[in-house]
Amino acid sequence: QAGQQSIDFAYDVVFNYWPAIFAVI
C-alpha cells in the first residue's frame, strides 16, 4: 500500500510542481 501511495505521490510532485522544476533548471 505504501508503494502505490508513494508512486502516486511522486507523480503528483512532478506534474504539480513541474513549472518550479523547470524554473530552477
mmCIF file of all heavy atoms, coordinates in Angstrom:
data_MODEL
# 
_entry.id   MODEL 
# 
loop_
_atom_site.group_PDB 
_atom_site.id 
_atom_site.type_symbol 
_atom_site.label_atom_id 
_atom_site.label_alt_id 
_atom_site.label_comp_id 
_atom_site.label_asym_id 
_atom_site.label_entity_id 
_atom_site.label_seq_id 
_atom_site.pdbx_PDB_ins_code 
_atom_site.Cartn_x 
_atom_site.Cartn_y 
_atom_site.Cartn_z 
_atom_site.occupancy 
_atom_site.B_iso_or_equiv 
_atom_site.pdbx_formal_charge 
_atom_site.auth_seq_id 
_atom_site.auth_comp_id 
_atom_site.auth_asym_id 
_atom_site.auth_atom_id 
_atom_site.pdbx_PDB_model_num 
ATOM 1   N N   . GLN A 1 1  ? 0.829  -1.203 0.000   1.00 0.00 ? 1  GLN A N   1 
ATOM 2   C CA  . GLN A 1 1  ? 0.000  0.000  0.000   1.00 0.00 ? 1  GLN A CA  1 
ATOM 3   C C   . GLN A 1 1  ? 0.859  1.248  0.000   1.00 0.00 ? 1  GLN A C   1 
ATOM 4   O O   . GLN A 1 1  ? 0.575  2.215  -0.720  1.00 0.00 ? 1  GLN A O   1 
ATOM 5   C CB  . GLN A 1 1  ? -0.914 -0.001 1.226   1.00 0.00 ? 1  GLN A CB  1 
ATOM 6   C CG  . GLN A 1 1  ? -1.850 1.216  1.289   1.00 0.00 ? 1  GLN A CG  1 
ATOM 7   C CD  . GLN A 1 1  ? -2.720 1.200  2.543   1.00 0.00 ? 1  GLN A CD  1 
ATOM 8   O OE1 . GLN A 1 1  ? -2.610 0.291  3.372   1.00 0.00 ? 1  GLN A OE1 1 
ATOM 9   N NE2 . GLN A 1 1  ? -3.567 2.197  2.692   1.00 0.00 ? 1  GLN A NE2 1 
ATOM 10  N N   . ALA A 1 2  ? 1.928  1.232  0.790   1.00 0.00 ? 2  ALA A N   1 
ATOM 11  C CA  . ALA A 1 2  ? 2.834  2.378  0.853   1.00 0.00 ? 2  ALA A CA  1 
ATOM 12  C C   . ALA A 1 2  ? 3.494  2.620  -0.501  1.00 0.00 ? 2  ALA A C   1 
ATOM 13  O O   . ALA A 1 2  ? 3.691  3.771  -0.917  1.00 0.00 ? 2  ALA A O   1 
ATOM 14  C CB  . ALA A 1 2  ? 3.898  2.146  1.925   1.00 0.00 ? 2  ALA A CB  1 
ATOM 15  N N   . GLY A 1 3  ? 3.835  1.521  -1.206  1.00 0.00 ? 3  GLY A N   1 
ATOM 16  C CA  . GLY A 1 3  ? 4.466  1.663  -2.510  1.00 0.00 ? 3  GLY A CA  1 
ATOM 17  C C   . GLY A 1 3  ? 3.564  2.346  -3.519  1.00 0.00 ? 3  GLY A C   1 
ATOM 18  O O   . GLY A 1 3  ? 3.981  3.236  -4.254  1.00 0.00 ? 3  GLY A O   1 
ATOM 19  N N   . GLN A 1 4  ? 2.277  1.908  -3.559  1.00 0.00 ? 4  GLN A N   1 
ATOM 20  C CA  . GLN A 1 4  ? 1.338  2.502  -4.512  1.00 0.00 ? 4  GLN A CA  1 
ATOM 21  C C   . GLN A 1 4  ? 1.072  3.969  -4.186  1.00 0.00 ? 4  GLN A C   1 
ATOM 22  O O   . GLN A 1 4  ? 1.025  4.828  -5.076  1.00 0.00 ? 4  GLN A O   1 
ATOM 23  C CB  . GLN A 1 4  ? 0.025  1.718  -4.494  1.00 0.00 ? 4  GLN A CB  1 
ATOM 24  C CG  . GLN A 1 4  ? -0.987 2.189  -5.545  1.00 0.00 ? 4  GLN A CG  1 
ATOM 25  C CD  . GLN A 1 4  ? -0.430 2.113  -6.948  1.00 0.00 ? 4  GLN A CD  1 
ATOM 26  O OE1 . GLN A 1 4  ? 0.087  1.078  -7.373  1.00 0.00 ? 4  GLN A OE1 1 
ATOM 27  N NE2 . GLN A 1 4  ? -0.513 3.215  -7.705  1.00 0.00 ? 4  GLN A NE2 1 
ATOM 28  N N   . GLN A 1 5  ? 0.913  4.270  -2.903  1.00 0.00 ? 5  GLN A N   1 
ATOM 29  C CA  . GLN A 1 5  ? 0.693  5.654  -2.496  1.00 0.00 ? 5  GLN A CA  1 
ATOM 30  C C   . GLN A 1 5  ? 1.915  6.519  -2.808  1.00 0.00 ? 5  GLN A C   1 
ATOM 31  O O   . GLN A 1 5  ? 1.787  7.695  -3.188  1.00 0.00 ? 5  GLN A O   1 
ATOM 32  C CB  . GLN A 1 5  ? 0.360  5.717  -1.013  1.00 0.00 ? 5  GLN A CB  1 
ATOM 33  C CG  . GLN A 1 5  ? -0.990 5.127  -0.652  1.00 0.00 ? 5  GLN A CG  1 
ATOM 34  C CD  . GLN A 1 5  ? -1.252 5.135  0.848   1.00 0.00 ? 5  GLN A CD  1 
ATOM 35  O OE1 . GLN A 1 5  ? -0.336 5.318  1.649   1.00 0.00 ? 5  GLN A OE1 1 
ATOM 36  N NE2 . GLN A 1 5  ? -2.519 4.929  1.225   1.00 0.00 ? 5  GLN A NE2 1 
ATOM 37  N N   . SER A 1 6  ? 3.090  5.943  -2.656  1.00 0.00 ? 6  SER A N   1 
ATOM 38  C CA  . SER A 1 6  ? 4.327  6.695  -2.931  1.00 0.00 ? 6  SER A CA  1 
ATOM 39  C C   . SER A 1 6  ? 4.488  6.967  -4.416  1.00 0.00 ? 6  SER A C   1 
ATOM 40  O O   . SER A 1 6  ? 4.967  8.029  -4.815  1.00 0.00 ? 6  SER A O   1 
ATOM 41  C CB  . SER A 1 6  ? 5.540  5.918  -2.403  1.00 0.00 ? 6  SER A CB  1 
ATOM 42  O OG  . SER A 1 6  ? 5.452  5.764  -0.999  1.00 0.00 ? 6  SER A OG  1 
ATOM 43  N N   . ILE A 1 7  ? 4.087  6.000  -5.239  1.00 0.00 ? 7  ILE A N   1 
ATOM 44  C CA  . ILE A 1 7  ? 4.130  6.208  -6.688  1.00 0.00 ? 7  ILE A CA  1 
ATOM 45  C C   . ILE A 1 7  ? 3.200  7.349  -7.083  1.00 0.00 ? 7  ILE A C   1 
ATOM 46  O O   . ILE A 1 7  ? 3.577  8.246  -7.854  1.00 0.00 ? 7  ILE A O   1 
ATOM 47  C CB  . ILE A 1 7  ? 3.747  4.911  -7.439  1.00 0.00 ? 7  ILE A CB  1 
ATOM 48  C CG1 . ILE A 1 7  ? 4.848  3.859  -7.278  1.00 0.00 ? 7  ILE A CG1 1 
ATOM 49  C CG2 . ILE A 1 7  ? 3.512  5.202  -8.928  1.00 0.00 ? 7  ILE A CG2 1 
ATOM 50  C CD1 . ILE A 1 7  ? 4.482  2.506  -7.859  1.00 0.00 ? 7  ILE A CD1 1 
ATOM 51  N N   . ASP A 1 8  ? 1.982  7.334  -6.522  1.00 0.00 ? 8  ASP A N   1 
ATOM 52  C CA  . ASP A 1 8  ? 1.027  8.404  -6.809  1.00 0.00 ? 8  ASP A CA  1 
ATOM 53  C C   . ASP A 1 8  ? 1.564  9.757  -6.330  1.00 0.00 ? 8  ASP A C   1 
ATOM 54  O O   . ASP A 1 8  ? 1.415  10.767 -7.027  1.00 0.00 ? 8  ASP A O   1 
ATOM 55  C CB  . ASP A 1 8  ? -0.316 8.114  -6.129  1.00 0.00 ? 8  ASP A CB  1 
ATOM 56  C CG  . ASP A 1 8  ? -0.995 6.873  -6.697  1.00 0.00 ? 8  ASP A CG  1 
ATOM 57  O OD1 . ASP A 1 8  ? -0.668 6.501  -7.842  1.00 0.00 ? 8  ASP A OD1 1 
ATOM 58  O OD2 . ASP A 1 8  ? -1.832 6.276  -5.981  1.00 0.00 ? 8  ASP A OD2 1 
ATOM 59  N N   . PHE A 1 9  ? 2.181  9.750  -5.161  1.00 0.00 ? 9  PHE A N   1 
ATOM 60  C CA  . PHE A 1 9  ? 2.739  10.992 -4.614  1.00 0.00 ? 9  PHE A CA  1 
ATOM 61  C C   . PHE A 1 9  ? 3.854  11.536 -5.504  1.00 0.00 ? 9  PHE A C   1 
ATOM 62  O O   . PHE A 1 9  ? 3.927  12.747 -5.767  1.00 0.00 ? 9  PHE A O   1 
ATOM 63  C CB  . PHE A 1 9  ? 3.280  10.738 -3.197  1.00 0.00 ? 9  PHE A CB  1 
ATOM 64  C CG  . PHE A 1 9  ? 4.008  11.910 -2.608  1.00 0.00 ? 9  PHE A CG  1 
ATOM 65  C CD1 . PHE A 1 9  ? 3.314  12.988 -2.081  1.00 0.00 ? 9  PHE A CD1 1 
ATOM 66  C CD2 . PHE A 1 9  ? 5.403  11.941 -2.592  1.00 0.00 ? 9  PHE A CD2 1 
ATOM 67  C CE1 . PHE A 1 9  ? 3.985  14.076 -1.548  1.00 0.00 ? 9  PHE A CE1 1 
ATOM 68  C CE2 . PHE A 1 9  ? 6.088  13.024 -2.051  1.00 0.00 ? 9  PHE A CE2 1 
ATOM 69  C CZ  . PHE A 1 9  ? 5.376  14.100 -1.534  1.00 0.00 ? 9  PHE A CZ  1 
ATOM 70  N N   . ALA A 1 10 ? 4.746  10.642 -5.986  1.00 0.00 ? 10 ALA A N   1 
ATOM 71  C CA  . ALA A 1 10 ? 5.864  11.067 -6.837  1.00 0.00 ? 10 ALA A CA  1 
ATOM 72  C C   . ALA A 1 10 ? 5.361  11.680 -8.137  1.00 0.00 ? 10 ALA A C   1 
ATOM 73  O O   . ALA A 1 10 ? 5.875  12.718 -8.594  1.00 0.00 ? 10 ALA A O   1 
ATOM 74  C CB  . ALA A 1 10 ? 6.784  9.887  -7.122  1.00 0.00 ? 10 ALA A CB  1 
ATOM 75  N N   . TYR A 1 11 ? 4.313  11.036 -8.726  1.00 0.00 ? 11 TYR A N   1 
ATOM 76  C CA  . TYR A 1 11 ? 3.736  11.609 -9.951  1.00 0.00 ? 11 TYR A CA  1 
ATOM 77  C C   . TYR A 1 11 ? 3.088  12.964 -9.671  1.00 0.00 ? 11 TYR A C   1 
ATOM 78  O O   . TYR A 1 11 ? 3.194  13.895 -10.480 1.00 0.00 ? 11 TYR A O   1 
ATOM 79  C CB  . TYR A 1 11 ? 2.705  10.651 -10.544 1.00 0.00 ? 11 TYR A CB  1 
ATOM 80  C CG  . TYR A 1 11 ? 3.298  9.554  -11.389 1.00 0.00 ? 11 TYR A CG  1 
ATOM 81  C CD1 . TYR A 1 11 ? 3.147  8.226  -11.033 1.00 0.00 ? 11 TYR A CD1 1 
ATOM 82  C CD2 . TYR A 1 11 ? 4.025  9.866  -12.538 1.00 0.00 ? 11 TYR A CD2 1 
ATOM 83  C CE1 . TYR A 1 11 ? 3.704  7.211  -11.813 1.00 0.00 ? 11 TYR A CE1 1 
ATOM 84  C CE2 . TYR A 1 11 ? 4.573  8.860  -13.320 1.00 0.00 ? 11 TYR A CE2 1 
ATOM 85  C CZ  . TYR A 1 11 ? 4.418  7.532  -12.949 1.00 0.00 ? 11 TYR A CZ  1 
ATOM 86  O OH  . TYR A 1 11 ? 4.981  6.548  -13.727 1.00 0.00 ? 11 TYR A OH  1 
ATOM 87  N N   . ASP A 1 12 ? 2.431  13.093 -8.533  1.00 0.00 ? 12 ASP A N   1 
ATOM 88  C CA  . ASP A 1 12 ? 1.804  14.365 -8.170  1.00 0.00 ? 12 ASP A CA  1 
ATOM 89  C C   . ASP A 1 12 ? 2.847  15.470 -8.036  1.00 0.00 ? 12 ASP A C   1 
ATOM 90  O O   . ASP A 1 12 ? 2.629  16.609 -8.471  1.00 0.00 ? 12 ASP A O   1 
ATOM 91  C CB  . ASP A 1 12 ? 1.027  14.227 -6.858  1.00 0.00 ? 12 ASP A CB  1 
ATOM 92  C CG  . ASP A 1 12 ? -0.261 13.432 -7.023  1.00 0.00 ? 12 ASP A CG  1 
ATOM 93  O OD1 . ASP A 1 12 ? -0.723 13.311 -8.180  1.00 0.00 ? 12 ASP A OD1 1 
ATOM 94  O OD2 . ASP A 1 12 ? -0.783 12.923 -6.008  1.00 0.00 ? 12 ASP A OD2 1 
ATOM 95  N N   . VAL A 1 13 ? 3.976  15.137 -7.424  1.00 0.00 ? 13 VAL A N   1 
ATOM 96  C CA  . VAL A 1 13 ? 5.043  16.134 -7.259  1.00 0.00 ? 13 VAL A CA  1 
ATOM 97  C C   . VAL A 1 13 ? 5.533  16.627 -8.610  1.00 0.00 ? 13 VAL A C   1 
ATOM 98  O O   . VAL A 1 13 ? 5.666  17.838 -8.846  1.00 0.00 ? 13 VAL A O   1 
ATOM 99  C CB  . VAL A 1 13 ? 6.213  15.539 -6.442  1.00 0.00 ? 13 VAL A CB  1 
ATOM 100 C CG1 . VAL A 1 13 ? 7.435  16.465 -6.511  1.00 0.00 ? 13 VAL A CG1 1 
ATOM 101 C CG2 . VAL A 1 13 ? 5.801  15.331 -4.994  1.00 0.00 ? 13 VAL A CG2 1 
ATOM 102 N N   . VAL A 1 14 ? 5.803  15.680 -9.514  1.00 0.00 ? 14 VAL A N   1 
ATOM 103 C CA  . VAL A 1 14 ? 6.335  16.064 -10.827 1.00 0.00 ? 14 VAL A CA  1 
ATOM 104 C C   . VAL A 1 14 ? 5.299  16.849 -11.638 1.00 0.00 ? 14 VAL A C   1 
ATOM 105 O O   . VAL A 1 14 ? 5.616  17.904 -12.214 1.00 0.00 ? 14 VAL A O   1 
ATOM 106 C CB  . VAL A 1 14 ? 6.797  14.814 -11.615 1.00 0.00 ? 14 VAL A CB  1 
ATOM 107 C CG1 . VAL A 1 14 ? 7.176  15.197 -13.043 1.00 0.00 ? 14 VAL A CG1 1 
ATOM 108 C CG2 . VAL A 1 14 ? 7.973  14.157 -10.913 1.00 0.00 ? 14 VAL A CG2 1 
ATOM 109 N N   . PHE A 1 15 ? 4.051  16.376 -11.674 1.00 0.00 ? 15 PHE A N   1 
ATOM 110 C CA  . PHE A 1 15 ? 3.031  17.027 -12.506 1.00 0.00 ? 15 PHE A CA  1 
ATOM 111 C C   . PHE A 1 15 ? 2.529  18.343 -11.907 1.00 0.00 ? 15 PHE A C   1 
ATOM 112 O O   . PHE A 1 15 ? 2.157  19.256 -12.651 1.00 0.00 ? 15 PHE A O   1 
ATOM 113 C CB  . PHE A 1 15 ? 1.851  16.072 -12.738 1.00 0.00 ? 15 PHE A CB  1 
ATOM 114 C CG  . PHE A 1 15 ? 2.143  15.000 -13.730 1.00 0.00 ? 15 PHE A CG  1 
ATOM 115 C CD1 . PHE A 1 15 ? 2.289  13.688 -13.341 1.00 0.00 ? 15 PHE A CD1 1 
ATOM 116 C CD2 . PHE A 1 15 ? 2.292  15.303 -15.088 1.00 0.00 ? 15 PHE A CD2 1 
ATOM 117 C CE1 . PHE A 1 15 ? 2.573  12.687 -14.272 1.00 0.00 ? 15 PHE A CE1 1 
ATOM 118 C CE2 . PHE A 1 15 ? 2.570  14.316 -16.019 1.00 0.00 ? 15 PHE A CE2 1 
ATOM 119 C CZ  . PHE A 1 15 ? 2.711  13.004 -15.611 1.00 0.00 ? 15 PHE A CZ  1 
ATOM 120 N N   . ASN A 1 16 ? 2.518  18.441 -10.589 1.00 0.00 ? 16 ASN A N   1 
ATOM 121 C CA  . ASN A 1 16 ? 2.037  19.670 -9.962  1.00 0.00 ? 16 ASN A CA  1 
ATOM 122 C C   . ASN A 1 16 ? 3.113  20.739 -9.837  1.00 0.00 ? 16 ASN A C   1 
ATOM 123 O O   . ASN A 1 16 ? 2.809  21.935 -9.815  1.00 0.00 ? 16 ASN A O   1 
ATOM 124 C CB  . ASN A 1 16 ? 1.459  19.370 -8.577  1.00 0.00 ? 16 ASN A CB  1 
ATOM 125 C CG  . ASN A 1 16 ? 0.180  18.562 -8.639  1.00 0.00 ? 16 ASN A CG  1 
ATOM 126 O OD1 . ASN A 1 16 ? -0.563 18.627 -9.621  1.00 0.00 ? 16 ASN A OD1 1 
ATOM 127 N ND2 . ASN A 1 16 ? -0.080 17.770 -7.597  1.00 0.00 ? 16 ASN A ND2 1 
ATOM 128 N N   . TYR A 1 17 ? 4.357  20.288 -9.732  1.00 0.00 ? 17 TYR A N   1 
ATOM 129 C CA  . TYR A 1 17 ? 5.435  21.257 -9.499  1.00 0.00 ? 17 TYR A CA  1 
ATOM 130 C C   . TYR A 1 17 ? 6.413  21.344 -10.670 1.00 0.00 ? 17 TYR A C   1 
ATOM 131 O O   . TYR A 1 17 ? 7.517  21.871 -10.521 1.00 0.00 ? 17 TYR A O   1 
ATOM 132 C CB  . TYR A 1 17 ? 6.199  20.889 -8.220  1.00 0.00 ? 17 TYR A CB  1 
ATOM 133 C CG  . TYR A 1 17 ? 5.361  21.010 -6.969  1.00 0.00 ? 17 TYR A CG  1 
ATOM 134 C CD1 . TYR A 1 17 ? 4.741  19.884 -6.426  1.00 0.00 ? 17 TYR A CD1 1 
ATOM 135 C CD2 . TYR A 1 17 ? 5.164  22.239 -6.363  1.00 0.00 ? 17 TYR A CD2 1 
ATOM 136 C CE1 . TYR A 1 17 ? 3.959  19.983 -5.292  1.00 0.00 ? 17 TYR A CE1 1 
ATOM 137 C CE2 . TYR A 1 17 ? 4.392  22.356 -5.218  1.00 0.00 ? 17 TYR A CE2 1 
ATOM 138 C CZ  . TYR A 1 17 ? 3.783  21.227 -4.687  1.00 0.00 ? 17 TYR A CZ  1 
ATOM 139 O OH  . TYR A 1 17 ? 3.000  21.336 -3.555  1.00 0.00 ? 17 TYR A OH  1 
ATOM 140 N N   . TRP A 1 18 ? 6.026  20.813 -11.851 1.00 0.00 ? 18 TRP A N   1 
ATOM 141 C CA  . TRP A 1 18 ? 6.950  20.878 -12.984 1.00 0.00 ? 18 TRP A CA  1 
ATOM 142 C C   . TRP A 1 18 ? 7.320  22.315 -13.359 1.00 0.00 ? 18 TRP A C   1 
ATOM 143 O O   . TRP A 1 18 ? 8.467  22.564 -13.785 1.00 0.00 ? 18 TRP A O   1 
ATOM 144 C CB  . TRP A 1 18 ? 6.393  20.120 -14.189 1.00 0.00 ? 18 TRP A CB  1 
ATOM 145 C CG  . TRP A 1 18 ? 5.186  20.736 -14.856 1.00 0.00 ? 18 TRP A CG  1 
ATOM 146 C CD1 . TRP A 1 18 ? 3.890  20.426 -14.647 1.00 0.00 ? 18 TRP A CD1 1 
ATOM 147 C CD2 . TRP A 1 18 ? 5.206  21.773 -15.844 1.00 0.00 ? 18 TRP A CD2 1 
ATOM 148 N NE1 . TRP A 1 18 ? 3.063  21.185 -15.427 1.00 0.00 ? 18 TRP A NE1 1 
ATOM 149 C CE2 . TRP A 1 18 ? 3.851  22.027 -16.182 1.00 0.00 ? 18 TRP A CE2 1 
ATOM 150 C CE3 . TRP A 1 18 ? 6.197  22.498 -16.488 1.00 0.00 ? 18 TRP A CE3 1 
ATOM 151 C CZ2 . TRP A 1 18 ? 3.492  22.991 -17.112 1.00 0.00 ? 18 TRP A CZ2 1 
ATOM 152 C CZ3 . TRP A 1 18 ? 5.834  23.451 -17.427 1.00 0.00 ? 18 TRP A CZ3 1 
ATOM 153 C CH2 . TRP A 1 18 ? 4.492  23.690 -17.739 1.00 0.00 ? 18 TRP A CH2 1 
ATOM 154 N N   . PRO A 1 19 ? 6.411  23.329 -13.215 1.00 0.00 ? 19 PRO A N   1 
ATOM 155 C CA  . PRO A 1 19 ? 6.865  24.700 -13.520 1.00 0.00 ? 19 PRO A CA  1 
ATOM 156 C C   . PRO A 1 19 ? 8.013  25.140 -12.611 1.00 0.00 ? 19 PRO A C   1 
ATOM 157 O O   . PRO A 1 19 ? 8.958  25.790 -13.065 1.00 0.00 ? 19 PRO A O   1 
ATOM 158 C CB  . PRO A 1 19 ? 5.607  25.541 -13.283 1.00 0.00 ? 19 PRO A CB  1 
ATOM 159 C CG  . PRO A 1 19 ? 4.473  24.604 -13.457 1.00 0.00 ? 19 PRO A CG  1 
ATOM 160 C CD  . PRO A 1 19 ? 4.961  23.309 -12.894 1.00 0.00 ? 19 PRO A CD  1 
ATOM 161 N N   . ALA A 1 20 ? 7.932  24.762 -11.326 1.00 0.00 ? 20 ALA A N   1 
ATOM 162 C CA  . ALA A 1 20 ? 9.006  25.124 -10.399 1.00 0.00 ? 20 ALA A CA  1 
ATOM 163 C C   . ALA A 1 20 ? 10.293 24.380 -10.748 1.00 0.00 ? 20 ALA A C   1 
ATOM 164 O O   . ALA A 1 20 ? 11.394 24.957 -10.688 1.00 0.00 ? 20 ALA A O   1 
ATOM 165 C CB  . ALA A 1 20 ? 8.585  24.805 -8.965  1.00 0.00 ? 20 ALA A CB  1 
ATOM 166 N N   . ILE A 1 21 ? 10.161 23.091 -11.126 1.00 0.00 ? 21 ILE A N   1 
ATOM 167 C CA  . ILE A 1 21 ? 11.342 22.307 -11.500 1.00 0.00 ? 21 ILE A CA  1 
ATOM 168 C C   . ILE A 1 21 ? 12.027 22.922 -12.715 1.00 0.00 ? 21 ILE A C   1 
ATOM 169 O O   . ILE A 1 21 ? 13.246 23.127 -12.730 1.00 0.00 ? 21 ILE A O   1 
ATOM 170 C CB  . ILE A 1 21 ? 10.938 20.845 -11.796 1.00 0.00 ? 21 ILE A CB  1 
ATOM 171 C CG1 . ILE A 1 21 ? 10.394 20.170 -10.531 1.00 0.00 ? 21 ILE A CG1 1 
ATOM 172 C CG2 . ILE A 1 21 ? 12.125 20.060 -12.353 1.00 0.00 ? 21 ILE A CG2 1 
ATOM 173 C CD1 . ILE A 1 21 ? 9.772  18.796 -10.781 1.00 0.00 ? 21 ILE A CD1 1 
ATOM 174 N N   . PHE A 1 22 ? 11.224 23.249 -13.747 1.00 0.00 ? 22 PHE A N   1 
ATOM 175 C CA  . PHE A 1 22 ? 11.789 23.833 -14.954 1.00 0.00 ? 22 PHE A CA  1 
ATOM 176 C C   . PHE A 1 22 ? 12.312 25.248 -14.698 1.00 0.00 ? 22 PHE A C   1 
ATOM 177 O O   . PHE A 1 22 ? 13.277 25.690 -15.337 1.00 0.00 ? 22 PHE A O   1 
ATOM 178 C CB  . PHE A 1 22 ? 10.755 23.836 -16.081 1.00 0.00 ? 22 PHE A CB  1 
ATOM 179 C CG  . PHE A 1 22 ? 10.658 22.529 -16.812 1.00 0.00 ? 22 PHE A CG  1 
ATOM 180 C CD1 . PHE A 1 22 ? 10.322 21.369 -16.134 1.00 0.00 ? 22 PHE A CD1 1 
ATOM 181 C CD2 . PHE A 1 22 ? 10.926 22.438 -18.165 1.00 0.00 ? 22 PHE A CD2 1 
ATOM 182 C CE1 . PHE A 1 22 ? 10.240 20.149 -16.785 1.00 0.00 ? 22 PHE A CE1 1 
ATOM 183 C CE2 . PHE A 1 22 ? 10.838 21.222 -18.834 1.00 0.00 ? 22 PHE A CE2 1 
ATOM 184 C CZ  . PHE A 1 22 ? 10.496 20.078 -18.145 1.00 0.00 ? 22 PHE A CZ  1 
ATOM 185 N N   . ALA A 1 23 ? 11.706 25.960 -13.743 1.00 0.00 ? 23 ALA A N   1 
ATOM 186 C CA  . ALA A 1 23 ? 12.193 27.301 -13.403 1.00 0.00 ? 23 ALA A CA  1 
ATOM 187 C C   . ALA A 1 23 ? 13.577 27.213 -12.769 1.00 0.00 ? 23 ALA A C   1 
ATOM 188 O O   . ALA A 1 23 ? 14.471 28.013 -13.081 1.00 0.00 ? 23 ALA A O   1 
ATOM 189 C CB  . ALA A 1 23 ? 11.215 27.996 -12.456 1.00 0.00 ? 23 ALA A CB  1 
ATOM 190 N N   . VAL A 1 24 ? 13.764 26.245 -11.875 1.00 0.00 ? 24 VAL A N   1 
ATOM 191 C CA  . VAL A 1 24 ? 15.074 26.049 -11.250 1.00 0.00 ? 24 VAL A CA  1 
ATOM 192 C C   . VAL A 1 24 ? 16.111 25.687 -12.309 1.00 0.00 ? 24 VAL A C   1 
ATOM 193 O O   . VAL A 1 24 ? 17.248 26.207 -12.312 1.00 0.00 ? 24 VAL A O   1 
ATOM 194 C CB  . VAL A 1 24 ? 14.997 24.948 -10.171 1.00 0.00 ? 24 VAL A CB  1 
ATOM 195 C CG1 . VAL A 1 24 ? 16.401 24.586 -9.672  1.00 0.00 ? 24 VAL A CG1 1 
ATOM 196 C CG2 . VAL A 1 24 ? 14.131 25.413 -9.008  1.00 0.00 ? 24 VAL A CG2 1 
ATOM 197 N N   . ILE A 1 25 ? 15.734 24.793 -13.241 1.00 0.00 ? 25 ILE A N   1 
ATOM 198 C CA  . ILE A 1 25 ? 16.640 24.413 -14.329 1.00 0.00 ? 25 ILE A CA  1 
ATOM 199 C C   . ILE A 1 25 ? 16.996 25.638 -15.169 1.00 0.00 ? 25 ILE A C   1 
ATOM 200 O O   . ILE A 1 25 ? 18.156 25.853 -15.531 1.00 0.00 ? 25 ILE A O   1 
ATOM 201 C CB  . ILE A 1 25 ? 15.998 23.324 -15.213 1.00 0.00 ? 25 ILE A CB  1 
ATOM 202 C CG1 . ILE A 1 25 ? 15.816 22.034 -14.414 1.00 0.00 ? 25 ILE A CG1 1 
ATOM 203 C CG2 . ILE A 1 25 ? 16.852 23.059 -16.459 1.00 0.00 ? 25 ILE A CG2 1 
ATOM 204 C CD1 . ILE A 1 25 ? 15.001 20.980 -15.142 1.00 0.00 ? 25 ILE A CD1 1 
# 
